[in-house]
N, C-alpha and C. Protein backbone atom coordinates (compact mmCIF):
# COMPACT_ATOMS: atom_id res chain seq x y z
N MET A 1 -4.91 -4.92 -13.70
CA MET A 1 -5.07 -4.83 -12.14
C MET A 1 -3.93 -3.55 -11.23
N TYR A 2 -4.34 -3.05 -10.69
CA TYR A 2 -3.51 -2.14 -9.94
C TYR A 2 -4.44 -2.03 -8.93
N TYR A 3 -3.07 -1.17 -7.76
CA TYR A 3 -3.81 -0.58 -6.59
C TYR A 3 -3.53 0.54 -6.40
N THR A 4 -3.72 1.59 -5.24
CA THR A 4 -3.13 3.18 -5.47
C THR A 4 -3.00 2.95 -3.78
N VAL A 5 -1.68 3.81 -3.84
CA VAL A 5 -1.06 3.93 -2.56
C VAL A 5 -1.09 5.88 -2.75
N LEU A 6 -0.61 6.34 -1.42
CA LEU A 6 -0.53 7.66 -1.09
C LEU A 6 0.74 8.22 -1.40
N ALA A 7 0.66 9.30 -2.14
CA ALA A 7 1.82 9.77 -3.33
C ALA A 7 2.41 10.75 -2.01
N ALA A 8 2.29 11.55 -1.14
CA ALA A 8 2.80 12.46 -0.63
C ALA A 8 2.19 12.93 0.96
N ALA A 9 2.61 13.16 1.90
CA ALA A 9 2.24 13.57 3.03
C ALA A 9 1.33 14.59 3.01
N ILE A 10 -0.06 14.83 3.64
CA ILE A 10 -0.89 15.84 3.78
C ILE A 10 -1.45 16.01 5.31
N GLU A 11 -1.89 17.35 5.41
CA GLU A 11 -2.45 17.39 6.78
C GLU A 11 -3.83 18.34 6.56
N SER A 12 -4.66 17.96 7.68
CA SER A 12 -5.84 18.87 7.62
C SER A 12 -6.32 19.08 9.33
N THR A 13 -7.35 19.73 9.13
CA THR A 13 -7.92 20.32 10.44
C THR A 13 -9.61 20.27 10.26
N THR A 14 -10.38 19.72 11.35
CA THR A 14 -11.58 19.78 11.47
C THR A 14 -11.78 20.36 13.10
N GLU A 15 -13.15 20.42 13.14
CA GLU A 15 -13.43 20.63 14.23
C GLU A 15 -14.90 20.13 14.54
N GLU A 16 -15.17 19.31 15.96
CA GLU A 16 -16.46 18.76 16.39
C GLU A 16 -16.73 19.28 17.51
N LYS A 17 -17.94 19.98 17.65
CA LYS A 17 -18.37 20.72 19.12
C LYS A 17 -16.92 20.92 20.12
N TYR A 18 -16.39 22.00 19.14
CA TYR A 18 -15.25 22.34 19.99
C TYR A 18 -13.83 21.51 20.20
N SER A 19 -14.02 20.31 20.09
CA SER A 19 -13.03 19.71 19.82
C SER A 19 -12.02 19.95 18.34
N ASP A 20 -10.76 20.03 18.64
CA ASP A 20 -10.16 19.85 17.21
C ASP A 20 -9.68 19.05 17.18
N PHE A 21 -9.79 18.44 15.94
CA PHE A 21 -8.74 16.99 14.84
C PHE A 21 -7.69 17.51 14.31
N LEU A 22 -6.21 17.25 14.54
CA LEU A 22 -5.61 17.78 13.55
C LEU A 22 -5.17 16.16 12.77
N THR A 23 -5.32 16.20 11.58
CA THR A 23 -5.14 14.59 11.15
C THR A 23 -4.01 15.09 9.94
N PHE A 24 -3.08 14.04 10.00
CA PHE A 24 -1.79 13.87 9.14
C PHE A 24 -2.06 12.44 8.81
N LEU A 25 -1.58 12.63 7.31
CA LEU A 25 -1.57 11.67 6.20
C LEU A 25 0.01 11.09 5.61
N HIS A 26 0.56 9.80 6.06
CA HIS A 26 1.90 9.95 5.36
C HIS A 26 2.01 8.50 4.42
N PRO A 27 2.87 8.68 3.61
CA PRO A 27 2.91 7.61 2.98
C PRO A 27 4.11 6.79 4.01
N VAL A 28 3.94 5.44 3.89
CA VAL A 28 5.05 4.30 4.43
C VAL A 28 4.60 2.67 3.98
N ASN A 29 5.88 2.28 3.98
CA ASN A 29 6.30 1.06 3.79
C ASN A 29 6.65 0.23 4.59
N SER A 30 6.13 -0.05 5.68
CA SER A 30 6.37 -0.83 7.02
C SER A 30 5.94 0.09 8.19
N ARG A 31 5.73 -1.14 9.32
CA ARG A 31 5.12 -0.90 10.43
C ARG A 31 6.02 -0.15 11.57
N GLU A 32 7.45 -0.48 11.01
CA GLU A 32 8.54 0.31 11.77
C GLU A 32 8.53 1.45 11.19
N GLU A 33 8.56 2.21 10.08
CA GLU A 33 8.18 3.33 9.68
C GLU A 33 6.82 4.29 9.99
N ALA A 34 5.68 3.50 10.21
CA ALA A 34 4.51 3.91 10.92
C ALA A 34 4.74 4.51 12.13
N MET A 35 5.58 3.51 13.06
CA MET A 35 5.61 3.86 14.55
C MET A 35 6.47 4.95 14.59
N GLU A 36 7.47 5.24 13.76
CA GLU A 36 8.38 6.45 13.98
C GLU A 36 7.39 7.71 13.78
N PHE A 37 6.67 7.86 12.68
CA PHE A 37 5.81 8.91 12.77
C PHE A 37 5.12 9.14 13.85
N ILE A 38 4.12 8.01 14.46
CA ILE A 38 3.36 7.99 15.27
C ILE A 38 4.13 8.66 16.75
N ASP A 39 5.45 8.28 16.90
CA ASP A 39 5.79 8.50 18.13
C ASP A 39 6.61 9.90 18.26
N HIS A 40 6.72 10.75 16.81
CA HIS A 40 7.00 11.87 16.35
C HIS A 40 5.86 12.77 17.08
N TYR A 41 4.48 12.44 16.50
CA TYR A 41 3.20 13.14 16.62
C TYR A 41 3.03 12.95 18.32
N ARG A 42 3.27 11.97 18.89
CA ARG A 42 3.29 12.21 20.47
C ARG A 42 4.09 12.89 21.25
N LYS A 43 5.84 13.02 20.57
CA LYS A 43 6.26 14.21 21.17
C LYS A 43 5.86 15.63 21.20
N THR A 44 5.55 15.73 19.53
CA THR A 44 4.98 17.17 19.18
C THR A 44 3.87 17.52 19.99
N TYR A 45 3.15 16.79 20.03
CA TYR A 45 1.45 17.21 20.79
C TYR A 45 1.19 16.54 22.32
N PRO A 46 2.01 16.92 23.08
CA PRO A 46 2.32 16.00 24.27
C PRO A 46 1.25 16.45 25.13
N ASP A 47 0.66 17.60 25.04
CA ASP A 47 -0.63 17.96 25.88
C ASP A 47 -2.15 17.60 25.09
N ALA A 48 -1.86 16.97 24.13
CA ALA A 48 -3.04 16.76 23.21
C ALA A 48 -3.82 15.20 24.23
N ASN A 49 -5.19 15.49 23.97
CA ASN A 49 -6.11 14.20 24.73
C ASN A 49 -5.56 12.88 24.26
N HIS A 50 -5.54 12.85 22.78
CA HIS A 50 -5.55 11.63 22.32
C HIS A 50 -4.72 11.96 21.10
N VAL A 51 -4.08 11.07 20.67
CA VAL A 51 -3.34 10.76 19.26
C VAL A 51 -3.66 9.28 18.92
N CYS A 52 -4.67 9.24 18.10
CA CYS A 52 -4.98 8.06 17.27
C CYS A 52 -4.37 7.48 15.92
N TRP A 53 -4.38 6.34 15.46
CA TRP A 53 -3.55 6.17 14.27
C TRP A 53 -4.23 5.18 13.45
N ALA A 54 -3.88 5.01 12.45
CA ALA A 54 -4.46 3.31 11.81
C ALA A 54 -3.69 3.31 10.41
N TYR A 55 -2.86 2.24 9.91
CA TYR A 55 -2.26 2.09 8.87
C TYR A 55 -2.35 0.80 8.15
N VAL A 56 -2.36 0.83 7.02
CA VAL A 56 -1.94 0.29 6.13
C VAL A 56 -1.44 -0.20 4.95
N ILE A 57 -0.51 -1.11 4.99
CA ILE A 57 0.63 -1.73 3.94
C ILE A 57 0.31 -2.01 3.04
N GLY A 58 0.62 -1.59 1.75
CA GLY A 58 0.05 -2.64 0.40
C GLY A 58 -1.25 -2.21 0.01
N ASP A 59 -1.74 -3.15 -1.12
CA ASP A 59 -2.86 -3.22 -1.06
C ASP A 59 -3.96 -3.10 -0.33
N THR A 60 -4.88 -2.47 -0.18
CA THR A 60 -6.06 -2.29 0.65
C THR A 60 -7.06 -3.32 1.04
N ARG A 61 -7.11 -3.84 -0.65
CA ARG A 61 -8.06 -5.14 -0.78
C ARG A 61 -7.10 -6.29 0.03
N ARG A 62 -5.75 -6.57 0.01
CA ARG A 62 -5.30 -7.35 0.23
C ARG A 62 -3.96 -6.93 1.06
N PRO A 63 -4.18 -6.56 2.29
CA PRO A 63 -2.90 -5.83 3.02
C PRO A 63 -1.96 -6.65 3.23
N LEU A 64 -0.96 -6.13 3.36
CA LEU A 64 0.27 -7.15 3.56
C LEU A 64 0.44 -6.77 5.16
N THR A 65 -0.20 -5.71 5.83
CA THR A 65 -0.47 -5.62 7.19
C THR A 65 -1.35 -4.42 7.88
N GLN A 66 -1.62 -4.14 8.79
CA GLN A 66 -2.67 -3.36 9.03
C GLN A 66 -2.63 -3.13 10.45
N ALA A 67 -2.84 -1.83 11.37
CA ALA A 67 -3.23 -1.69 12.76
C ALA A 67 -3.82 -0.43 13.06
N PHE A 68 -4.28 -0.54 14.22
CA PHE A 68 -4.96 0.49 14.69
C PHE A 68 -5.08 0.78 16.09
N SER A 69 -5.17 2.28 16.52
CA SER A 69 -5.22 2.60 17.76
C SER A 69 -6.17 3.59 18.53
N ASP A 70 -6.66 3.31 19.36
CA ASP A 70 -7.94 3.94 19.90
C ASP A 70 -7.30 5.34 20.83
N ASP A 71 -5.96 4.69 21.27
CA ASP A 71 -5.34 6.06 22.35
C ASP A 71 -6.41 6.23 23.26
N GLY A 72 -6.95 5.41 24.17
CA GLY A 72 -8.16 6.17 24.96
C GLY A 72 -9.25 6.27 24.87
N GLU A 73 -9.40 6.50 23.54
CA GLU A 73 -10.93 6.70 23.33
C GLU A 73 -11.85 5.53 23.56
N PRO A 74 -12.77 5.81 23.85
CA PRO A 74 -13.58 4.22 23.86
C PRO A 74 -13.57 3.40 22.89
N SER A 75 -13.11 1.81 22.96
CA SER A 75 -12.60 1.01 22.07
C SER A 75 -13.81 1.00 20.57
N GLY A 76 -12.93 1.11 19.46
CA GLY A 76 -13.77 0.90 18.28
C GLY A 76 -14.15 2.33 17.65
N THR A 77 -14.02 3.35 18.27
CA THR A 77 -14.23 4.63 18.38
C THR A 77 -13.99 5.41 17.52
N ALA A 78 -12.28 5.00 17.25
CA ALA A 78 -11.48 6.18 16.47
C ALA A 78 -10.37 5.39 15.67
N GLY A 79 -9.32 4.39 15.80
CA GLY A 79 -8.60 3.69 14.77
C GLY A 79 -9.42 2.98 14.02
N LYS A 80 -10.25 2.41 14.47
CA LYS A 80 -11.36 1.26 13.57
C LYS A 80 -11.82 2.36 12.43
N PRO A 81 -12.33 3.21 12.77
CA PRO A 81 -13.26 3.91 11.91
C PRO A 81 -12.00 5.12 10.78
N MET A 82 -11.05 5.15 11.72
CA MET A 82 -9.94 5.78 10.44
C MET A 82 -9.23 4.50 9.23
N LEU A 83 -9.01 3.24 10.17
CA LEU A 83 -8.63 2.39 9.15
C LEU A 83 -9.83 2.12 7.97
N HIS A 84 -10.86 1.75 8.48
CA HIS A 84 -12.19 2.02 7.80
C HIS A 84 -12.21 3.02 6.72
N VAL A 85 -11.77 4.22 6.62
CA VAL A 85 -11.82 5.23 5.74
C VAL A 85 -10.59 4.90 4.63
N LEU A 86 -9.69 4.55 4.89
CA LEU A 86 -8.12 4.39 4.41
C LEU A 86 -8.57 2.85 3.42
N THR A 87 -9.25 2.31 3.96
CA THR A 87 -9.35 1.10 3.27
C THR A 87 -10.51 1.40 1.94
N GLU A 88 -11.85 1.81 2.40
CA GLU A 88 -12.58 2.42 1.62
C GLU A 88 -12.13 3.36 0.43
N ARG A 89 -11.23 4.11 0.75
CA ARG A 89 -11.00 5.20 -0.01
C ARG A 89 -9.65 4.52 -0.81
N ASP A 90 -9.41 3.30 -0.53
CA ASP A 90 -8.25 2.63 -1.16
C ASP A 90 -6.45 3.60 -1.41
N VAL A 91 -6.53 4.03 -0.17
CA VAL A 91 -5.34 4.58 0.25
C VAL A 91 -4.18 3.54 0.75
N GLY A 92 -3.64 2.86 0.11
CA GLY A 92 -2.61 2.06 0.51
C GLY A 92 -1.31 2.40 0.67
N ASN A 93 -0.61 1.64 1.47
CA ASN A 93 0.73 2.12 2.10
C ASN A 93 0.42 3.53 2.71
N SER A 94 -0.01 3.84 3.75
CA SER A 94 -0.51 4.90 4.33
C SER A 94 -0.74 4.97 5.68
N LEU A 95 -0.42 5.85 6.42
CA LEU A 95 -0.42 6.30 7.77
C LEU A 95 -1.54 7.35 7.80
N ALA A 96 -2.43 7.21 8.88
CA ALA A 96 -3.04 8.26 9.50
C ALA A 96 -3.42 8.66 10.97
N VAL A 97 -2.97 9.73 10.97
CA VAL A 97 -2.75 10.36 12.49
C VAL A 97 -3.43 11.15 13.05
N VAL A 98 -4.49 10.87 13.71
CA VAL A 98 -4.95 12.17 14.34
C VAL A 98 -4.95 12.64 15.85
N VAL A 99 -4.70 13.77 15.98
CA VAL A 99 -4.56 14.30 17.16
C VAL A 99 -5.88 15.09 17.56
N ARG A 100 -6.42 14.41 18.67
CA ARG A 100 -7.67 15.55 19.50
C ARG A 100 -7.31 16.14 20.34
N TYR A 101 -7.67 17.83 20.22
CA TYR A 101 -7.63 18.23 21.71
C TYR A 101 -9.52 18.59 22.07
N PHE A 102 -9.61 18.08 23.02
CA PHE A 102 -10.78 17.94 23.84
C PHE A 102 -11.29 19.50 24.05
N GLY A 103 -12.77 19.82 23.52
CA GLY A 103 -13.31 20.91 23.58
C GLY A 103 -14.35 21.12 24.68
N GLY A 104 -14.45 20.15 25.60
CA GLY A 104 -15.14 20.09 26.58
C GLY A 104 -16.77 19.56 26.67
N VAL A 105 -16.84 19.27 25.48
CA VAL A 105 -18.16 18.90 24.96
C VAL A 105 -18.08 17.21 24.45
N LYS A 106 -18.95 16.53 25.42
CA LYS A 106 -18.57 14.95 25.03
C LYS A 106 -19.18 14.77 23.38
N LEU A 107 -18.63 13.75 22.80
CA LEU A 107 -19.44 13.56 21.50
C LEU A 107 -20.14 12.23 21.36
N GLY A 108 -19.90 11.34 22.53
CA GLY A 108 -20.58 10.10 22.39
C GLY A 108 -20.09 8.97 21.49
N ALA A 109 -20.38 7.83 21.89
CA ALA A 109 -19.63 6.58 20.58
C ALA A 109 -19.61 7.00 19.22
N GLY A 110 -21.07 7.47 18.54
CA GLY A 110 -21.43 7.86 17.70
C GLY A 110 -20.84 8.85 16.93
N GLY A 111 -20.86 9.73 17.37
CA GLY A 111 -20.10 10.91 17.65
C GLY A 111 -18.57 10.96 17.26
N LEU A 112 -17.87 10.19 18.25
CA LEU A 112 -16.52 10.16 17.60
C LEU A 112 -16.34 9.17 16.51
N VAL A 113 -17.03 8.25 16.26
CA VAL A 113 -17.01 7.51 15.24
C VAL A 113 -17.13 8.35 14.08
N ARG A 114 -18.07 9.16 13.95
CA ARG A 114 -18.43 10.35 12.75
C ARG A 114 -17.28 11.50 12.92
N ALA A 115 -16.61 11.62 14.01
CA ALA A 115 -15.66 12.75 13.87
C ALA A 115 -14.67 12.53 13.35
N TYR A 116 -13.85 11.12 13.80
CA TYR A 116 -12.43 10.66 13.42
C TYR A 116 -12.84 10.17 12.06
N SER A 117 -13.79 9.79 11.43
CA SER A 117 -13.93 9.30 10.13
C SER A 117 -13.93 10.26 9.05
N ALA A 118 -14.63 11.29 9.55
CA ALA A 118 -14.65 13.00 8.80
C ALA A 118 -13.52 13.51 8.78
N ALA A 119 -12.52 13.36 9.91
CA ALA A 119 -11.47 14.32 9.79
C ALA A 119 -10.37 13.29 9.19
N VAL A 120 -10.17 11.77 9.05
CA VAL A 120 -9.27 11.12 7.95
C VAL A 120 -10.16 11.39 6.13
N SER A 121 -11.27 11.46 6.36
CA SER A 121 -11.72 11.87 5.01
C SER A 121 -11.57 12.92 4.28
N ASN A 122 -11.66 13.75 5.29
CA ASN A 122 -11.33 15.84 4.79
C ASN A 122 -10.06 15.33 4.45
N ALA A 123 -8.87 14.69 4.79
CA ALA A 123 -7.47 14.79 4.75
C ALA A 123 -7.47 13.75 3.33
N VAL A 124 -8.04 12.96 2.94
CA VAL A 124 -7.87 11.89 2.00
C VAL A 124 -8.63 12.72 0.76
N ASN A 125 -9.43 13.60 1.06
CA ASN A 125 -10.37 14.35 -0.17
C ASN A 125 -9.21 15.45 -1.05
N GLY A 126 -7.78 15.95 -0.25
CA GLY A 126 -6.87 16.38 -0.64
C GLY A 126 -5.97 15.67 -1.08
N ALA A 127 -5.71 14.38 -0.77
CA ALA A 127 -4.54 13.63 -1.12
C ALA A 127 -4.57 13.17 -2.25
N GLU A 128 -2.94 12.87 -3.04
CA GLU A 128 -2.62 12.81 -4.13
C GLU A 128 -2.58 11.02 -4.00
N LEU A 129 -3.16 10.55 -5.26
CA LEU A 129 -3.00 9.17 -4.81
C LEU A 129 -2.09 8.59 -6.15
N LEU A 130 -1.28 7.32 -5.88
CA LEU A 130 -0.86 6.75 -7.34
C LEU A 130 -1.17 5.45 -7.44
N GLU A 131 -1.33 5.08 -8.93
CA GLU A 131 -1.46 3.57 -9.26
C GLU A 131 -0.29 2.87 -9.41
N VAL A 132 -0.54 1.53 -8.67
CA VAL A 132 0.69 0.75 -8.55
C VAL A 132 0.05 -0.65 -9.13
N THR A 133 1.06 -1.25 -9.85
CA THR A 133 0.86 -2.55 -10.43
C THR A 133 1.56 -3.34 -9.96
N PRO A 134 0.85 -4.35 -9.15
CA PRO A 134 1.88 -5.49 -8.67
C PRO A 134 2.50 -6.38 -9.89
N LYS A 135 3.87 -6.51 -9.44
CA LYS A 135 4.83 -7.17 -10.55
C LYS A 135 5.37 -8.32 -9.61
N VAL A 136 5.82 -9.44 -10.75
CA VAL A 136 6.50 -10.46 -10.16
C VAL A 136 7.51 -10.55 -11.28
N GLN A 137 8.68 -11.25 -10.49
CA GLN A 137 9.92 -11.53 -11.06
C GLN A 137 9.94 -13.26 -11.48
N LEU A 138 10.62 -13.19 -12.77
CA LEU A 138 10.65 -14.43 -12.96
C LEU A 138 12.40 -14.88 -13.57
N GLN A 139 12.43 -16.02 -13.81
CA GLN A 139 13.54 -16.18 -14.23
C GLN A 139 13.40 -17.29 -15.42
N VAL A 140 13.63 -17.42 -16.69
CA VAL A 140 13.63 -17.89 -17.62
C VAL A 140 14.89 -18.89 -18.26
N VAL A 141 15.27 -19.87 -18.32
CA VAL A 141 16.29 -20.67 -18.93
C VAL A 141 16.22 -21.50 -20.22
N VAL A 142 16.54 -20.80 -21.37
CA VAL A 142 16.20 -21.50 -22.82
C VAL A 142 17.50 -21.27 -23.50
N ASP A 143 17.43 -22.42 -24.53
CA ASP A 143 18.65 -22.32 -25.48
C ASP A 143 18.27 -21.16 -26.34
N PHE A 144 19.92 -20.89 -26.46
CA PHE A 144 20.16 -19.65 -27.62
C PHE A 144 18.99 -19.68 -29.09
N ALA A 145 18.76 -20.41 -29.44
CA ALA A 145 18.19 -20.55 -30.72
C ALA A 145 16.39 -19.83 -30.11
N ARG A 146 16.15 -19.86 -28.79
CA ARG A 146 14.76 -19.53 -28.51
C ARG A 146 14.74 -18.44 -27.60
N GLU A 147 16.20 -17.47 -27.61
CA GLU A 147 16.09 -16.15 -27.10
C GLU A 147 15.18 -15.19 -27.59
N THR A 148 15.07 -15.03 -28.39
CA THR A 148 14.38 -13.91 -29.21
C THR A 148 12.86 -14.24 -29.13
N LYS A 149 12.38 -15.38 -28.96
CA LYS A 149 10.82 -15.77 -29.00
C LYS A 149 10.58 -15.41 -27.70
N VAL A 150 11.25 -15.85 -26.90
CA VAL A 150 10.84 -15.32 -25.15
C VAL A 150 10.95 -13.85 -25.17
N ARG A 151 12.17 -13.14 -25.78
CA ARG A 151 11.95 -11.62 -25.70
C ARG A 151 10.56 -11.27 -26.28
N HIS A 152 10.51 -11.61 -27.37
CA HIS A 152 8.85 -11.38 -27.69
C HIS A 152 7.80 -11.53 -27.27
N ILE A 153 7.74 -12.77 -26.84
CA ILE A 153 6.62 -12.79 -25.65
C ILE A 153 6.59 -11.99 -24.37
N VAL A 154 8.19 -11.57 -23.67
CA VAL A 154 8.13 -10.61 -22.76
C VAL A 154 7.30 -9.08 -23.28
N ASN A 155 7.64 -8.80 -24.18
CA ASN A 155 7.14 -7.50 -24.81
C ASN A 155 5.34 -7.59 -24.73
N GLN A 156 5.04 -8.82 -25.54
CA GLN A 156 3.85 -9.18 -25.53
C GLN A 156 3.16 -8.59 -24.16
N HIS A 157 3.53 -9.15 -22.90
CA HIS A 157 2.75 -9.00 -21.80
C HIS A 157 3.99 -7.99 -20.90
N GLN A 158 4.06 -7.05 -21.43
CA GLN A 158 4.38 -5.76 -21.09
C GLN A 158 5.03 -5.90 -19.82
N GLY A 159 6.44 -6.74 -20.08
CA GLY A 159 7.46 -7.17 -19.24
C GLY A 159 8.49 -6.58 -19.34
N GLN A 160 9.77 -6.44 -18.46
CA GLN A 160 10.84 -6.18 -18.82
C GLN A 160 12.23 -6.90 -18.41
N ILE A 161 13.02 -6.84 -19.12
CA ILE A 161 14.21 -7.72 -19.26
C ILE A 161 15.25 -7.09 -17.91
N LEU A 162 15.38 -7.64 -16.92
CA LEU A 162 16.33 -7.18 -15.95
C LEU A 162 17.81 -7.47 -16.27
N ASN A 163 17.97 -8.57 -16.39
CA ASN A 163 19.27 -8.98 -16.38
C ASN A 163 19.24 -10.13 -17.73
N VAL A 164 20.48 -10.73 -18.23
CA VAL A 164 20.62 -11.67 -19.13
C VAL A 164 22.24 -12.36 -19.15
N HIS A 165 21.81 -13.41 -18.75
CA HIS A 165 23.06 -14.44 -18.45
C HIS A 165 23.28 -15.48 -19.49
N TYR A 166 24.54 -15.55 -20.03
CA TYR A 166 24.98 -16.59 -20.92
C TYR A 166 26.05 -17.59 -20.54
N ALA A 167 25.56 -18.89 -20.90
CA ALA A 167 26.44 -19.76 -20.22
C ALA A 167 26.09 -21.17 -21.44
N THR A 168 25.98 -22.18 -21.21
CA THR A 168 25.40 -23.47 -22.10
C THR A 168 23.99 -23.26 -22.45
N SER A 169 23.28 -22.16 -21.78
CA SER A 169 22.11 -21.80 -21.88
C SER A 169 21.93 -20.31 -21.64
N VAL A 170 20.59 -19.79 -22.00
CA VAL A 170 20.59 -18.16 -21.72
C VAL A 170 19.61 -18.64 -20.47
N THR A 171 19.76 -17.34 -19.73
CA THR A 171 19.07 -17.46 -18.39
C THR A 171 18.53 -15.47 -18.74
N LEU A 172 17.35 -15.32 -18.58
CA LEU A 172 16.63 -13.91 -18.29
C LEU A 172 15.88 -13.88 -17.04
N ASP A 173 16.34 -12.85 -16.39
CA ASP A 173 15.88 -12.54 -15.44
C ASP A 173 14.68 -11.55 -15.73
N ILE A 174 13.41 -11.89 -15.48
CA ILE A 174 12.18 -10.67 -16.29
C ILE A 174 11.22 -10.31 -15.06
N SER A 175 11.20 -9.17 -15.18
CA SER A 175 9.74 -8.41 -14.30
C SER A 175 8.54 -7.99 -15.46
N LEU A 176 7.24 -8.61 -14.90
CA LEU A 176 6.00 -8.23 -15.61
C LEU A 176 5.26 -8.24 -14.58
N PRO A 177 3.54 -7.57 -15.12
CA PRO A 177 2.74 -7.49 -14.25
C PRO A 177 2.34 -8.87 -13.85
N ALA A 178 2.22 -8.77 -12.10
CA ALA A 178 1.71 -10.33 -11.53
C ALA A 178 0.30 -11.09 -12.18
N ALA A 179 -0.45 -10.06 -12.99
CA ALA A 179 -1.85 -10.36 -13.92
C ALA A 179 -1.23 -11.05 -14.96
N HIS A 180 -0.48 -10.95 -15.66
CA HIS A 180 0.10 -11.61 -16.66
C HIS A 180 1.01 -13.05 -16.51
N ALA A 181 1.60 -13.26 -15.52
CA ALA A 181 2.52 -14.46 -15.10
C ALA A 181 1.99 -15.53 -15.23
N GLU A 182 0.99 -16.30 -15.08
CA GLU A 182 0.20 -17.45 -15.51
C GLU A 182 0.47 -17.62 -17.08
N LEU A 183 -0.46 -16.43 -17.95
CA LEU A 183 -0.39 -16.64 -19.19
C LEU A 183 1.08 -16.62 -20.03
N PHE A 184 1.71 -15.81 -19.34
CA PHE A 184 3.20 -15.88 -19.76
C PHE A 184 3.89 -17.08 -19.45
N ALA A 185 4.09 -17.50 -18.51
CA ALA A 185 4.47 -19.18 -18.41
C ALA A 185 3.76 -19.91 -19.10
N GLN A 186 3.04 -20.10 -19.64
CA GLN A 186 1.98 -20.91 -20.69
C GLN A 186 2.60 -20.69 -21.90
N GLN A 187 2.74 -19.48 -22.10
CA GLN A 187 3.00 -19.19 -23.63
C GLN A 187 4.33 -19.61 -23.92
N VAL A 188 5.47 -19.21 -23.04
CA VAL A 188 6.69 -19.48 -23.08
C VAL A 188 6.79 -21.05 -23.17
N ILE A 189 6.12 -21.98 -22.42
CA ILE A 189 5.93 -23.50 -22.74
C ILE A 189 5.67 -23.48 -23.89
N ASN A 190 4.73 -23.36 -24.38
CA ASN A 190 4.07 -23.65 -25.64
C ASN A 190 4.97 -23.13 -26.36
N GLU A 191 5.34 -21.96 -26.80
CA GLU A 191 5.72 -21.50 -27.69
C GLU A 191 7.90 -21.95 -27.93
N THR A 192 7.99 -22.92 -26.56
CA THR A 192 9.63 -23.22 -26.59
C THR A 192 9.21 -24.88 -26.65
N ALA A 193 8.31 -25.47 -26.75
CA ALA A 193 8.06 -26.78 -27.17
C ALA A 193 8.27 -27.44 -25.59
N GLY A 194 8.32 -26.57 -24.54
CA GLY A 194 8.47 -27.11 -23.34
C GLY A 194 9.63 -27.62 -23.02
N ASP A 195 10.60 -26.90 -23.60
CA ASP A 195 12.15 -26.87 -23.04
C ASP A 195 12.48 -25.69 -22.39
N ALA A 196 11.84 -24.69 -22.12
CA ALA A 196 12.02 -23.76 -21.08
C ALA A 196 11.78 -24.26 -19.69
N ILE A 197 12.93 -23.41 -18.65
CA ILE A 197 12.58 -23.58 -17.57
C ILE A 197 12.43 -22.53 -16.94
N ILE A 198 11.14 -22.66 -16.04
CA ILE A 198 10.85 -20.89 -15.26
C ILE A 198 10.49 -21.38 -14.01
N HIS A 199 11.51 -19.90 -13.02
CA HIS A 199 11.27 -19.98 -11.85
C HIS A 199 10.35 -18.84 -11.50
N VAL A 200 9.85 -18.48 -10.60
CA VAL A 200 8.96 -17.30 -10.10
C VAL A 200 10.09 -16.99 -8.81
N GLU A 201 10.80 -16.05 -8.92
CA GLU A 201 11.29 -15.35 -8.08
C GLU A 201 11.07 -14.69 -6.96
N LYS A 202 10.32 -13.65 -7.25
CA LYS A 202 9.77 -12.92 -6.26
C LYS A 202 8.65 -12.34 -6.70
N ASN A 203 7.82 -12.05 -5.75
CA ASN A 203 6.30 -11.14 -6.26
C ASN A 203 6.90 -9.47 -5.45
N ASN A 204 6.55 -8.57 -6.06
CA ASN A 204 7.07 -7.76 -6.02
C ASN A 204 5.67 -6.51 -5.39
N GLU A 205 4.88 -7.16 -5.18
CA GLU A 205 3.46 -6.56 -4.65
C GLU A 205 3.75 -5.05 -3.91
C-alpha cells in the first residue's frame, strides 16, 4: 500500500479564448504552507483577474485536509475542478494555483470548468510524483531471551528498529509499513507466548 505525492514544483501556461491561465504546482505539507504560497502569487500578480487555488494534504484517497477557492469565478467553476484533478491524478501533498488573465471572451460555466481542469492537468502531466508508504511506529517490550525473535519478525515485515532500551526488559521502538502493523503485532504475541507488550505510538501517514 502506498500513495503518491508531488516531488517538486512545476509551472505551465495554457490559453483558452484569449484568457491566459498560469498554473503553479507546489509540494506542501500543511495548510499554513499552502496559504503562504497563495499569498505570494496574489502579491506577484496583483493585476490578475483571479488567483484560484486548491490543495490536498496527505493521501488523496484519505486526505488529512483539503480546500479550494474560486476567487471570484462563478461558484464551482475553478477551485473544485482543480481539486478534482489533484485527487483523480493522485497528486498528494500538493497545492495548485491558477492565475487567470481575462482575455475579453466569456467562457461560461462549462468552459471555465474545462479551462481550469485543463490548466492543472497540463501541469500534472509534467510533474514528478513520489511513492510514499504509510508508516506506523510501535513500541515492543519483551524479555531479553525473546529480543532476537522480535528483531527477526521486524525484518520479515520490512520494518526498522529506531531505538533499543535495556532495563529489566528490552524496549524496542519500531517503524514499519502500516499495512503490516496488525499482522506484525499478532505474530509477536504468538511467538513470544503472549509475553510481549505492544504500544502503537504514532501513525506517520
